Amino acid sequence: MKSPIVLIKNIGMFLLLLLLNYSPAFAQELQTPLEISSFTKLSSYDGIIAFINEAARVNKNIKIDFIGESSEGRKIPALKISNREFGKDKSKIKVLIFAQQHGNEPSGKEGALLLIKDFAEGKLNKLLKRIDLILIPQMNADGGEMNKRYNGQGLDLNRNHLILTAPETRALHNLFNQYLPEATLDVHEYYPYGEEWIKFGARKNNDEQIGSVTNINVSSIIKKLQREVFIPYIKEHLKKNGFSCFEYIPGGVPEKEYIRLSTFDINDGRQSFGSMNSFSMIFEGKNGRDSIDNIKHRALSRYTTLKGYLQFIYDNKDKIKNLVSVERKKLINAKPGDPVAIQMNHFKDGSKLTLTMQSTYSNKDTLVTIENYRPLVKPILEVDRPVGYLIPKVSNELVEWMKRQNFTFSPFDSKEKMKVEQYLITKVDSIDFEGDMVINPTVEKKVIALTNASDYCFIPTNQLAGNIIVQALEPQSMIRLATYKMFEHLVRVNENYPILRIVK
């Protein structure tokens, strides 16, 4: 029989464990839905909501804010993770991470939930000394439930950031505009198993592809920090943790199609937020042959990459925060007459790309040298930045678009003497835009006398989204509103372009 002293010690230890919530009889380790299924079943929407509610319950640093609803009525959760009231400590850097814009790319969601688990268990408390984090584990709940790329309306969310017709992207941009995070990250997957790659005999095989902003109008200093400092950092971080990484290089089979860096279009999450001079990145993890294939490795790869990203932000907080502040002020104070690129293309820089791929025959690594590699983005058409644009009030689509984007605009005050320019569309040809053909109008520009100023709204270009506004509204822009069906009526041959330019 044990002595009373031993019994007292045992009882004391039991009570201590109970108080600390570590007793094996009374406590369970917090697990993500994927972990609960032993990595055999993807996290459902209901499972995500239950998990994040539990995470918020066990750790007061986690607050849940539902920022909107999907087209099918599912609430979109954004977790605000901070060691004090979110956004109140101005010395911190605000970071926004969002995953699974495409419903058939689930590993970003699973990696994000593993990251949330770490925050809930207090393992990442150190990061909160310098970072206020907003984490959206699942942007596209409808697509996730259906295991389809598109949302419940059949829209590709990551091609919707310019027109914002999807409720999910509107909710995300409203959140961004509320807090203006200095750093943003969009988490995706790429699919390397297509028929063309099988015929080629090798395929891309990196666990992660990392993409920076490429639009020529974005701050060159921010882009340099991303490509020359962050990407080498994250490659080394992943290598140390057993994962492979390369820069994000879309494009088809080598030499059949050219290989380039990712798109410069402003309709995706990375370029849209990046165009406001955010430290904006995209992560493209390797998908499986189906959604569940190799999901444990894929989820752990996304989780490891997310942790590395946050560590980099933590280590370089002041540098990134100050740089973004300076470069955003340049946008807000942009001078009329400065050039803005509205047509761009990918160009060679004289280098060849040697890429490690996986042989589709032996499943072993093989080196492929790519001759037609185009890593440079250069402008092929620029316009002088106007003071602003005049939007016809009768154009409900344009007015509603400006409201969705939260742009600054107002009734036009015609008292100040400024020139009004109008385009005439004289011809419409086509131009190759990253493999797709888009219209390429020829225009004539003339100065007109405006007699009906009250019929217009004025949208200035000296605002944070000024470069987006110019690229969206110029009729010759490759990435203009008129490339979308709802706005294609803006560009018609032998008709005046209805949006006017105000210049000094």
Protein backbone atom coordinates (compact mmCIF):
# COMPACT_ATOMS: atom_id res chain seq x y z
CA MET A 1 0.00 0.00 0.00
CA LYS A 2 1.31 3.47 -0.97
CA SER A 3 2.13 5.88 1.83
CA PRO A 4 -0.14 8.92 2.47
CA ILE A 5 2.64 11.23 1.27
CA VAL A 6 2.85 9.41 -2.09
CA LEU A 7 -0.94 9.49 -2.42
CA ILE A 8 -1.02 13.23 -1.71
CA LYS A 9 1.70 13.81 -4.30
CA ASN A 10 -0.21 11.75 -6.88
CA ILE A 11 -3.47 13.57 -6.15
CA GLY A 12 -1.68 16.91 -6.36
CA MET A 13 -0.16 16.02 -9.71
CA PHE A 14 -3.54 14.85 -11.02
CA LEU A 15 -5.18 18.12 -9.99
CA LEU A 16 -2.37 20.13 -11.56
CA LEU A 17 -2.74 18.27 -14.83
CA LEU A 18 -6.49 18.77 -14.71
CA LEU A 19 -6.09 22.52 -14.18
CA LEU A 20 -3.65 22.73 -17.07
CA ASN A 21 -6.08 20.78 -19.24
CA TYR A 22 -3.42 18.13 -19.93
CA SER A 23 -5.05 15.16 -18.21
CA PRO A 24 -5.30 12.30 -20.69
CA ALA A 25 -8.59 11.31 -19.13
CA PHE A 26 -10.17 14.74 -19.63
CA ALA A 27 -8.34 16.53 -22.46
CA GLN A 28 -7.79 15.92 -26.13
CA GLU A 29 -5.21 17.50 -28.38
CA LEU A 30 -6.67 20.08 -30.74
CA GLN A 31 -6.78 18.49 -34.18
CA THR A 32 -7.80 19.74 -37.59
CA PRO A 33 -10.55 17.80 -39.38
CA LEU A 34 -7.92 16.39 -41.75
CA GLU A 35 -5.89 15.09 -38.80
CA ILE A 36 -8.98 13.60 -37.16
CA SER A 37 -9.55 11.57 -40.33
CA SER A 38 -5.89 10.46 -40.28
CA PHE A 39 -5.39 12.43 -43.50
CA THR A 40 -7.98 10.42 -45.41
CA LYS A 41 -10.76 13.00 -45.77
CA LEU A 42 -10.64 16.69 -46.65
CA SER A 43 -11.95 19.25 -44.18
CA SER A 44 -15.57 20.06 -44.93
CA TYR A 45 -17.02 23.54 -44.50
CA ASP A 46 -18.86 22.49 -41.32
CA GLY A 47 -15.66 20.87 -40.06
CA ILE A 48 -13.72 24.08 -40.64
CA ILE A 49 -16.26 26.16 -38.74
CA ALA A 50 -16.27 23.73 -35.80
CA PHE A 51 -12.46 23.67 -35.71
CA ILE A 52 -11.93 27.44 -35.82
CA ASN A 53 -14.61 27.93 -33.15
CA GLU A 54 -12.68 25.55 -30.93
CA ALA A 55 -9.39 27.30 -31.72
CA ALA A 56 -10.92 30.64 -30.74
CA ARG A 57 -12.31 29.10 -27.56
CA VAL A 58 -8.95 27.81 -26.35
CA ASN A 59 -6.91 30.90 -27.28
CA LYS A 60 -8.12 34.45 -26.72
CA ASN A 61 -5.68 35.76 -29.33
CA ILE A 62 -7.95 34.32 -32.04
CA LYS A 63 -11.10 36.19 -32.98
CA ILE A 64 -13.47 35.10 -35.76
CA ASP A 65 -15.07 37.66 -38.05
CA PHE A 66 -17.48 36.55 -40.76
CA ILE A 67 -16.74 38.99 -43.57
CA GLY A 68 -19.50 37.98 -45.97
CA GLU A 69 -21.31 35.05 -47.51
CA SER A 70 -20.70 32.87 -50.52
CA SER A 71 -23.16 32.85 -53.40
CA GLU A 72 -24.83 29.82 -51.79
CA GLY A 73 -25.05 31.47 -48.38
CA ARG A 74 -22.06 30.00 -46.53
CA LYS A 75 -20.40 32.50 -44.20
CA ILE A 76 -16.77 33.37 -44.97
CA PRO A 77 -14.65 33.26 -41.79
CA ALA A 78 -11.64 35.51 -41.31
CA LEU A 79 -9.53 34.83 -38.22
CA LYS A 80 -7.96 37.91 -36.68
CA ILE A 81 -4.96 36.72 -34.70
CA SER A 82 -3.34 39.27 -32.42
CA ASN A 83 -2.05 39.52 -28.84
CA ARG A 84 -4.03 42.72 -28.37
CA GLU A 85 -6.94 44.47 -30.10
CA PHE A 86 -6.36 43.94 -33.81
CA GLY A 87 -4.82 46.89 -35.61
CA LYS A 88 -4.38 49.09 -32.54
CA ASP A 89 -0.60 48.66 -32.24
CA LYS A 90 0.65 50.82 -35.12
CA SER A 91 4.18 49.46 -34.77
CA LYS A 92 3.01 46.05 -36.00
CA ILE A 93 2.73 44.93 -39.58
CA LYS A 94 -0.68 43.74 -40.79
CA VAL A 95 -0.67 40.53 -42.83
CA LEU A 96 -3.55 39.02 -44.83
CA ILE A 97 -3.43 35.37 -45.94
CA PHE A 98 -6.27 33.80 -47.94
CA ALA A 99 -6.49 30.25 -49.27
CA GLN A 100 -8.64 28.07 -51.56
CA GLN A 101 -9.99 30.62 -53.99
CA HIS A 102 -10.23 27.59 -56.27
CA GLY A 103 -12.37 24.88 -54.73
CA ASN A 104 -10.39 22.00 -56.25
CA GLU A 105 -7.14 23.25 -54.67
CA PRO A 106 -7.69 22.14 -51.07
CA SER A 107 -4.22 21.80 -49.56
CA GLY A 108 -3.88 25.53 -48.90
CA LYS A 109 -6.95 25.30 -46.69
CA GLU A 110 -5.54 22.29 -44.88
CA GLY A 111 -2.16 23.96 -44.35
CA ALA A 112 -3.89 27.08 -43.04
CA LEU A 113 -5.83 25.01 -40.50
CA LEU A 114 -2.59 23.42 -39.29
CA LEU A 115 -1.19 26.93 -38.86
CA ILE A 116 -4.28 27.98 -36.90
CA LYS A 117 -3.74 24.98 -34.66
CA ASP A 118 -0.23 26.23 -33.85
CA PHE A 119 -1.56 29.67 -32.97
CA ALA A 120 -4.29 28.13 -30.81
CA GLU A 121 -1.71 26.09 -28.91
CA GLY A 122 0.49 29.15 -28.38
CA LYS A 123 3.39 27.81 -30.45
CA LEU A 124 3.60 30.95 -32.57
CA ASN A 125 3.07 33.59 -29.88
CA LYS A 126 6.42 35.15 -30.70
CA LEU A 127 5.18 36.19 -34.15
CA LEU A 128 2.37 38.22 -32.60
CA LYS A 129 4.86 40.63 -31.06
CA ARG A 130 5.31 42.17 -34.52
CA ILE A 131 2.45 40.80 -36.64
CA ASP A 132 -1.31 41.26 -36.68
CA LEU A 133 -2.59 38.42 -38.87
CA ILE A 134 -5.85 37.97 -40.76
CA LEU A 135 -6.18 34.41 -42.01
CA ILE A 136 -8.99 33.22 -44.29
CA PRO A 137 -8.60 29.43 -44.59
CA GLN A 138 -11.27 29.02 -47.26
CA MET A 139 -12.36 31.73 -49.68
CA ASN A 140 -14.46 29.46 -51.89
CA ALA A 141 -16.61 27.32 -49.60
CA ASP A 142 -19.10 26.48 -52.36
CA GLY A 143 -16.39 25.26 -54.72
CA GLY A 144 -14.71 23.41 -51.87
CA GLU A 145 -17.86 21.47 -51.07
CA MET A 146 -18.28 20.56 -54.76
CA ASN A 147 -14.53 20.00 -55.34
CA LYS A 148 -14.77 22.36 -58.31
CA ARG A 149 -12.61 25.33 -59.31
CA TYR A 150 -15.45 27.83 -59.53
CA ASN A 151 -17.80 29.29 -56.93
CA GLY A 152 -21.54 28.65 -56.71
CA GLN A 153 -22.16 31.17 -59.51
CA GLY A 154 -19.71 29.43 -61.81
CA LEU A 155 -17.19 32.28 -61.42
CA ASP A 156 -13.42 31.93 -61.15
CA LEU A 157 -12.69 33.99 -58.04
CA ASN A 158 -9.07 34.57 -59.02
CA ARG A 159 -10.15 36.18 -62.27
CA ASN A 160 -12.69 38.41 -60.53
CA HIS A 161 -10.59 40.89 -58.56
CA LEU A 162 -11.02 43.68 -61.09
CA ILE A 163 -14.77 43.56 -61.63
CA LEU A 164 -15.70 42.12 -58.19
CA THR A 165 -18.98 40.54 -59.24
CA ALA A 166 -18.55 37.55 -56.88
CA PRO A 167 -19.62 38.03 -53.25
CA GLU A 168 -16.48 36.26 -52.06
CA THR A 169 -14.05 38.64 -53.78
CA ARG A 170 -16.12 41.67 -52.73
CA ALA A 171 -15.89 40.53 -49.11
CA LEU A 172 -12.12 40.09 -49.41
CA HIS A 173 -11.59 43.55 -50.90
CA ASN A 174 -13.84 45.17 -48.30
CA LEU A 175 -11.63 43.56 -45.66
CA PHE A 176 -8.46 44.75 -47.37
CA ASN A 177 -9.79 48.28 -47.69
CA GLN A 178 -10.75 48.31 -44.00
CA TYR A 179 -7.27 47.43 -42.70
CA LEU A 180 -4.89 48.02 -45.66
CA PRO A 181 -2.52 45.19 -44.71
CA GLU A 182 1.05 45.76 -45.80
CA ALA A 183 1.60 42.12 -46.77
CA THR A 184 -0.81 39.76 -48.53
CA LEU A 185 -0.54 36.13 -49.59
CA ASP A 186 -2.77 34.10 -51.91
CA VAL A 187 -2.44 30.29 -51.58
CA HIS A 188 -3.13 28.00 -54.57
CA GLU A 189 -2.12 24.71 -56.19
CA TYR A 190 -0.80 23.91 -59.65
CA TYR A 191 -1.63 20.72 -61.58
CA PRO A 192 1.34 19.07 -63.36
CA TYR A 193 -0.30 15.87 -64.57
CA GLY A 194 -1.87 16.85 -67.92
CA GLU A 195 -1.68 14.81 -71.12
CA GLU A 196 0.78 17.19 -72.79
CA TRP A 197 3.27 16.69 -69.97
CA ILE A 198 2.93 12.92 -70.25
CA LYS A 199 3.71 13.16 -73.96
CA PHE A 200 6.65 15.46 -73.23
CA GLY A 201 8.05 12.85 -70.85
CA ALA A 202 8.64 15.06 -67.80
CA ARG A 203 6.66 17.36 -65.55
CA LYS A 204 7.13 20.05 -62.96
CA ASN A 205 7.60 18.47 -59.58
CA ASN A 206 8.38 21.14 -56.98
CA ASP A 207 6.32 21.04 -53.80
CA GLU A 208 5.95 24.81 -53.98
CA GLN A 209 6.11 27.51 -56.63
CA ILE A 210 6.47 31.06 -55.32
CA GLY A 211 5.25 34.04 -57.33
CA SER A 212 5.94 37.74 -56.85
CA VAL A 213 4.09 40.64 -58.45
CA THR A 214 5.04 41.14 -62.10
CA ASN A 215 2.90 44.07 -63.26
CA ILE A 216 5.32 46.72 -64.50
CA ASN A 217 3.48 49.52 -62.67
CA VAL A 218 4.13 48.04 -59.22
CA SER A 219 7.02 49.45 -57.19
CA SER A 220 10.29 48.07 -58.56
CA ILE A 221 11.76 48.16 -55.03
CA ILE A 222 9.03 45.89 -53.68
CA LYS A 223 9.47 43.49 -56.61
CA LYS A 224 13.22 43.41 -56.06
CA LEU A 225 12.77 42.56 -52.37
CA GLN A 226 10.40 39.74 -53.30
CA ARG A 227 12.53 38.14 -56.01
CA GLU A 228 16.03 38.77 -54.70
CA VAL A 229 15.48 38.35 -50.96
CA PHE A 230 12.23 36.57 -50.11
CA ILE A 231 12.23 33.85 -52.78
CA PRO A 232 15.80 32.69 -51.98
CA TYR A 233 14.86 32.76 -48.28
CA ILE A 234 11.76 30.61 -48.68
CA LYS A 235 13.60 28.16 -50.98
CA GLU A 236 16.20 27.59 -48.26
CA HIS A 237 13.56 27.37 -45.54
CA LEU A 238 11.69 24.67 -47.45
CA LYS A 239 14.86 22.79 -48.33
CA LYS A 240 15.79 22.59 -44.64
CA ASN A 241 12.36 21.13 -43.93
CA GLY A 242 12.45 18.53 -46.70
CA PHE A 243 10.41 20.28 -49.39
CA SER A 244 11.37 21.54 -52.85
CA CYS A 245 10.64 24.98 -54.24
CA PHE A 246 11.02 27.06 -57.39
CA GLU A 247 9.82 30.39 -58.68
CA TYR A 248 6.29 30.33 -60.11
CA ILE A 249 6.63 29.76 -63.86
CA PRO A 250 3.38 29.09 -65.71
CA GLY A 251 3.39 28.06 -69.31
CA GLY A 252 2.98 24.84 -71.21
CA VAL A 253 5.38 22.21 -72.43
CA PRO A 254 8.89 23.68 -72.95
CA GLU A 255 9.66 24.93 -76.48
CA LYS A 256 6.07 24.27 -77.55
CA GLU A 257 5.06 27.27 -75.47
CA TYR A 258 7.28 29.88 -73.90
CA ILE A 259 7.91 29.75 -70.16
CA ARG A 260 7.37 32.98 -68.22
CA LEU A 261 6.78 34.36 -64.79
CA SER A 262 3.15 34.59 -63.75
CA THR A 263 0.62 36.95 -65.32
CA PHE A 264 0.75 40.72 -64.95
CA ASP A 265 -3.06 40.94 -65.14
CA ILE A 266 -4.68 42.89 -62.30
CA ASN A 267 -7.69 40.61 -62.06
CA ASP A 268 -6.07 38.15 -59.62
CA GLY A 269 -5.54 38.54 -55.89
CA ARG A 270 -1.77 38.91 -55.96
CA GLN A 271 -1.59 41.57 -58.70
CA SER A 272 -4.71 43.38 -57.50
CA PHE A 273 -3.39 43.96 -53.98
CA GLY A 274 0.16 44.25 -55.29
CA SER A 275 -0.93 47.09 -57.57
CA MET A 276 -1.57 49.09 -54.41
CA ASN A 277 2.10 48.54 -53.53
CA SER A 278 1.51 45.79 -51.00
CA PHE A 279 4.10 43.09 -50.36
CA SER A 280 1.84 40.70 -52.25
CA MET A 281 2.76 37.09 -53.09
CA ILE A 282 1.21 33.91 -54.44
CA PHE A 283 2.09 30.35 -53.37
CA GLU A 284 1.29 27.53 -55.80
CA GLY A 285 1.68 24.15 -54.16
CA LYS A 286 1.75 20.93 -56.16
CA ASN A 287 -1.70 19.41 -56.46
CA GLY A 288 -2.43 15.70 -56.36
CA ARG A 289 -3.73 13.52 -59.16
CA ASP A 290 -7.02 14.04 -57.36
CA SER A 291 -7.99 16.17 -54.37
CA ILE A 292 -7.01 13.63 -51.70
CA ASP A 293 -3.91 12.18 -53.39
CA ASN A 294 -0.82 12.65 -51.20
CA ILE A 295 -2.77 15.15 -49.10
CA LYS A 296 -0.67 14.78 -45.94
CA HIS A 297 2.53 15.78 -47.74
CA ARG A 298 0.76 18.58 -49.61
CA ALA A 299 -0.86 20.00 -46.46
CA LEU A 300 2.42 19.87 -44.53
CA SER A 301 4.19 21.58 -47.41
CA ARG A 302 1.66 24.45 -47.42
CA TYR A 303 1.85 24.67 -43.61
CA THR A 304 5.65 24.80 -43.68
CA THR A 305 5.64 27.46 -46.39
CA LEU A 306 3.12 29.59 -44.46
CA LYS A 307 5.28 29.44 -41.35
CA GLY A 308 8.34 30.43 -43.36
CA TYR A 309 6.45 33.34 -44.91
CA LEU A 310 5.37 34.64 -41.49
CA GLN A 311 8.87 34.23 -40.10
CA PHE A 312 10.26 36.30 -42.98
CA ILE A 313 7.66 39.02 -42.35
CA TYR A 314 8.53 38.94 -38.64
CA ASP A 315 12.27 39.19 -39.31
CA ASN A 316 11.85 42.00 -41.85
CA LYS A 317 8.89 43.80 -40.30
CA ASP A 318 10.32 47.30 -40.25
CA LYS A 319 11.83 47.05 -43.71
CA ILE A 320 8.60 45.84 -45.33
CA LYS A 321 6.31 48.14 -43.36
CA ASN A 322 8.38 51.24 -44.10
CA LEU A 323 8.88 50.33 -47.75
CA VAL A 324 5.16 49.78 -48.32
CA SER A 325 4.34 53.06 -46.58
CA VAL A 326 6.75 55.03 -48.80
CA GLU A 327 5.66 53.33 -52.03
CA ARG A 328 1.95 53.77 -51.25
CA LYS A 329 2.49 57.48 -50.68
CA LYS A 330 3.99 57.66 -54.16
CA LEU A 331 0.74 56.27 -55.58
CA ILE A 332 -1.39 58.69 -53.61
CA ASN A 333 0.81 61.62 -54.68
CA ALA A 334 1.30 60.45 -58.25
CA LYS A 335 1.82 63.30 -60.71
CA PRO A 336 -0.33 63.77 -63.80
CA GLY A 337 1.74 63.10 -66.88
CA ASP A 338 3.76 60.25 -65.38
CA PRO A 339 3.74 57.17 -67.63
CA VAL A 340 1.52 54.19 -66.83
CA ALA A 341 1.98 50.95 -68.78
CA ILE A 342 -1.28 49.65 -70.25
CA GLN A 343 0.16 47.00 -72.58
CA MET A 344 3.01 44.72 -71.56
CA ASN A 345 4.68 41.54 -72.69
CA HIS A 346 7.10 38.88 -71.50
CA PHE A 347 10.63 39.06 -72.92
CA LYS A 348 13.84 37.05 -72.86
CA ASP A 349 16.82 38.34 -70.91
CA GLY A 350 19.42 36.19 -72.67
CA SER A 351 19.39 33.46 -70.05
CA LYS A 352 18.31 29.85 -70.28
CA LEU A 353 16.34 28.15 -67.55
CA THR A 354 17.50 24.80 -66.21
CA LEU A 355 14.62 23.17 -64.41
CA THR A 356 14.54 19.99 -62.34
CA MET A 357 11.56 17.94 -63.51
CA GLN A 358 10.34 14.42 -62.85
CA SER A 359 10.51 11.88 -65.65
CA THR A 360 7.08 10.45 -66.40
CA TYR A 361 8.77 7.16 -67.32
CA SER A 362 11.24 6.56 -64.49
CA ASN A 363 9.77 8.92 -61.85
CA LYS A 364 13.33 10.15 -61.28
CA ASP A 365 14.58 13.72 -61.43
CA THR A 366 15.73 14.95 -64.79
CA LEU A 367 17.21 18.30 -65.83
CA VAL A 368 15.42 20.15 -68.62
CA THR A 369 16.97 23.23 -70.24
CA ILE A 370 14.42 25.73 -71.51
CA GLU A 371 15.56 27.99 -74.34
CA ASN A 372 12.37 30.02 -74.73
CA TYR A 373 12.39 31.50 -71.23
CA ARG A 374 10.94 34.99 -70.81
CA PRO A 375 11.45 36.30 -67.27
CA LEU A 376 11.22 40.03 -68.06
CA VAL A 377 8.01 42.06 -68.22
CA LYS A 378 8.35 45.26 -70.25
CA PRO A 379 5.85 47.88 -71.37
CA ILE A 380 4.88 47.98 -75.03
CA LEU A 381 2.37 50.85 -74.69
CA GLU A 382 2.16 53.59 -72.08
CA VAL A 383 -0.16 56.53 -71.51
CA ASP A 384 0.35 59.72 -69.57
CA ARG A 385 -1.45 59.54 -66.26
CA PRO A 386 -4.48 61.87 -66.38
CA VAL A 387 -5.68 63.90 -63.42
CA GLY A 388 -8.69 61.62 -63.48
CA TYR A 389 -11.56 60.27 -65.54
CA LEU A 390 -15.15 61.33 -66.06
CA ILE A 391 -17.64 58.48 -65.74
CA PRO A 392 -21.13 58.95 -67.22
CA LYS A 393 -23.68 58.79 -64.40
CA VAL A 394 -26.09 56.96 -66.70
CA SER A 395 -23.63 54.05 -66.86
CA ASN A 396 -24.91 52.10 -63.85
CA GLU A 397 -22.41 49.30 -64.46
CA LEU A 398 -19.45 51.68 -64.16
CA VAL A 399 -20.81 53.52 -61.14
CA GLU A 400 -21.54 50.26 -59.33
CA TRP A 401 -18.06 49.00 -60.24
CA MET A 402 -16.46 52.06 -58.64
CA LYS A 403 -18.54 51.49 -55.52
CA ARG A 404 -17.59 47.81 -55.34
CA GLN A 405 -13.92 48.76 -55.59
CA ASN A 406 -14.31 51.44 -52.91
CA PHE A 407 -12.63 54.00 -55.18
CA THR A 408 -12.76 57.68 -54.29
CA PHE A 409 -15.06 59.50 -56.72
CA SER A 410 -17.39 62.48 -56.61
CA PRO A 411 -19.61 64.72 -58.75
CA PHE A 412 -17.48 66.63 -61.24
CA ASP A 413 -16.62 70.21 -60.29
CA SER A 414 -16.11 71.97 -63.60
CA LYS A 415 -15.02 75.30 -62.08
CA GLU A 416 -11.33 74.45 -62.22
CA LYS A 417 -9.99 74.86 -65.73
CA MET A 418 -8.73 71.56 -67.03
CA LYS A 419 -8.68 70.01 -70.45
CA VAL A 420 -11.14 67.26 -71.29
CA GLU A 421 -9.94 64.59 -73.71
CA GLN A 422 -12.09 62.11 -75.59
CA TYR A 423 -11.11 58.99 -77.53
CA LEU A 424 -12.65 57.99 -80.84
CA ILE A 425 -12.38 54.26 -81.58
CA THR A 426 -11.35 54.15 -85.24
CA LYS A 427 -10.44 50.50 -85.60
CA VAL A 428 -10.34 47.29 -83.57
CA ASP A 429 -7.64 44.69 -84.16
CA SER A 430 -6.41 41.96 -81.82
CA ILE A 431 -3.26 41.41 -79.81
CA ASP A 432 -1.74 38.37 -78.12
CA PHE A 433 -2.02 38.59 -74.35
CA GLU A 434 -0.21 35.65 -72.70
CA GLY A 435 -1.56 33.20 -75.27
CA ASP A 436 -5.06 34.66 -75.53
CA MET A 437 -6.21 37.09 -78.20
CA VAL A 438 -7.83 40.29 -76.91
CA ILE A 439 -9.08 43.33 -78.79
CA ASN A 440 -6.59 46.08 -79.54
CA PRO A 441 -8.34 49.31 -80.54
CA THR A 442 -6.82 52.11 -82.56
CA VAL A 443 -7.87 55.48 -81.18
CA GLU A 444 -7.80 59.16 -81.97
CA LYS A 445 -7.68 61.59 -79.07
CA LYS A 446 -9.04 65.09 -79.13
CA VAL A 447 -9.77 67.92 -76.69
CA ILE A 448 -13.47 68.70 -76.33
CA ALA A 449 -15.58 71.37 -74.68
CA LEU A 450 -17.63 69.81 -71.91
CA THR A 451 -21.09 71.36 -71.72
CA ASN A 452 -22.81 68.77 -69.53
CA ALA A 453 -20.43 68.41 -66.56
CA SER A 454 -23.26 67.47 -64.18
CA ASP A 455 -23.77 64.26 -66.14
CA TYR A 456 -20.43 62.84 -64.95
CA CYS A 457 -18.70 61.50 -61.86
CA PHE A 458 -15.03 62.37 -61.40
CA ILE A 459 -12.61 59.63 -60.34
CA PRO A 460 -9.11 60.95 -59.56
CA THR A 461 -5.97 58.93 -60.20
CA ASN A 462 -4.05 60.25 -57.17
CA GLN A 463 -5.37 57.53 -54.87
CA LEU A 464 -4.03 54.19 -53.69
CA ALA A 465 -5.71 52.32 -56.53
CA GLY A 466 -4.66 54.92 -59.12
CA ASN A 467 -2.69 52.50 -61.31
CA ILE A 468 -5.58 50.03 -61.28
CA ILE A 469 -7.96 52.80 -62.37
CA VAL A 470 -5.77 53.81 -65.33
CA GLN A 471 -5.25 50.23 -66.50
CA ALA A 472 -8.96 49.47 -66.13
CA LEU A 473 -10.32 52.55 -67.91
CA GLU A 474 -7.92 53.18 -70.81
CA PRO A 475 -9.51 51.71 -73.98
CA GLN A 476 -6.19 50.38 -75.32
CA SER A 477 -5.25 48.64 -72.09
CA MET A 478 -4.77 44.87 -72.36
CA ILE A 479 -6.37 44.44 -68.95
CA ARG A 480 -9.20 46.95 -69.21
CA LEU A 481 -12.78 46.56 -68.10
CA ALA A 482 -13.85 46.15 -71.72
CA THR A 483 -12.27 42.67 -71.82
CA TYR A 484 -15.23 41.54 -69.66
CA LYS A 485 -18.58 40.84 -71.31
CA MET A 486 -20.51 43.23 -69.06
CA PHE A 487 -18.29 46.10 -70.21
CA GLU A 488 -17.50 45.15 -73.81
CA HIS A 489 -20.00 47.76 -75.08
CA LEU A 490 -17.54 50.48 -74.02
CA VAL A 491 -15.33 49.84 -77.06
CA ARG A 492 -17.13 50.06 -80.40
CA VAL A 493 -15.71 50.96 -83.79
CA ASN A 494 -16.47 54.49 -85.04
CA GLU A 495 -17.94 55.48 -81.69
CA ASN A 496 -16.64 57.82 -79.01
CA TYR A 497 -15.30 56.11 -75.93
CA PRO A 498 -17.78 57.15 -73.19
CA ILE A 499 -15.14 57.61 -70.45
CA LEU A 500 -13.35 60.97 -70.66
CA ARG A 501 -9.88 61.98 -69.51
CA ILE A 502 -9.16 65.09 -67.43
CA VAL A 503 -5.68 66.48 -68.00
CA LYS A 504 -3.88 69.66 -66.97
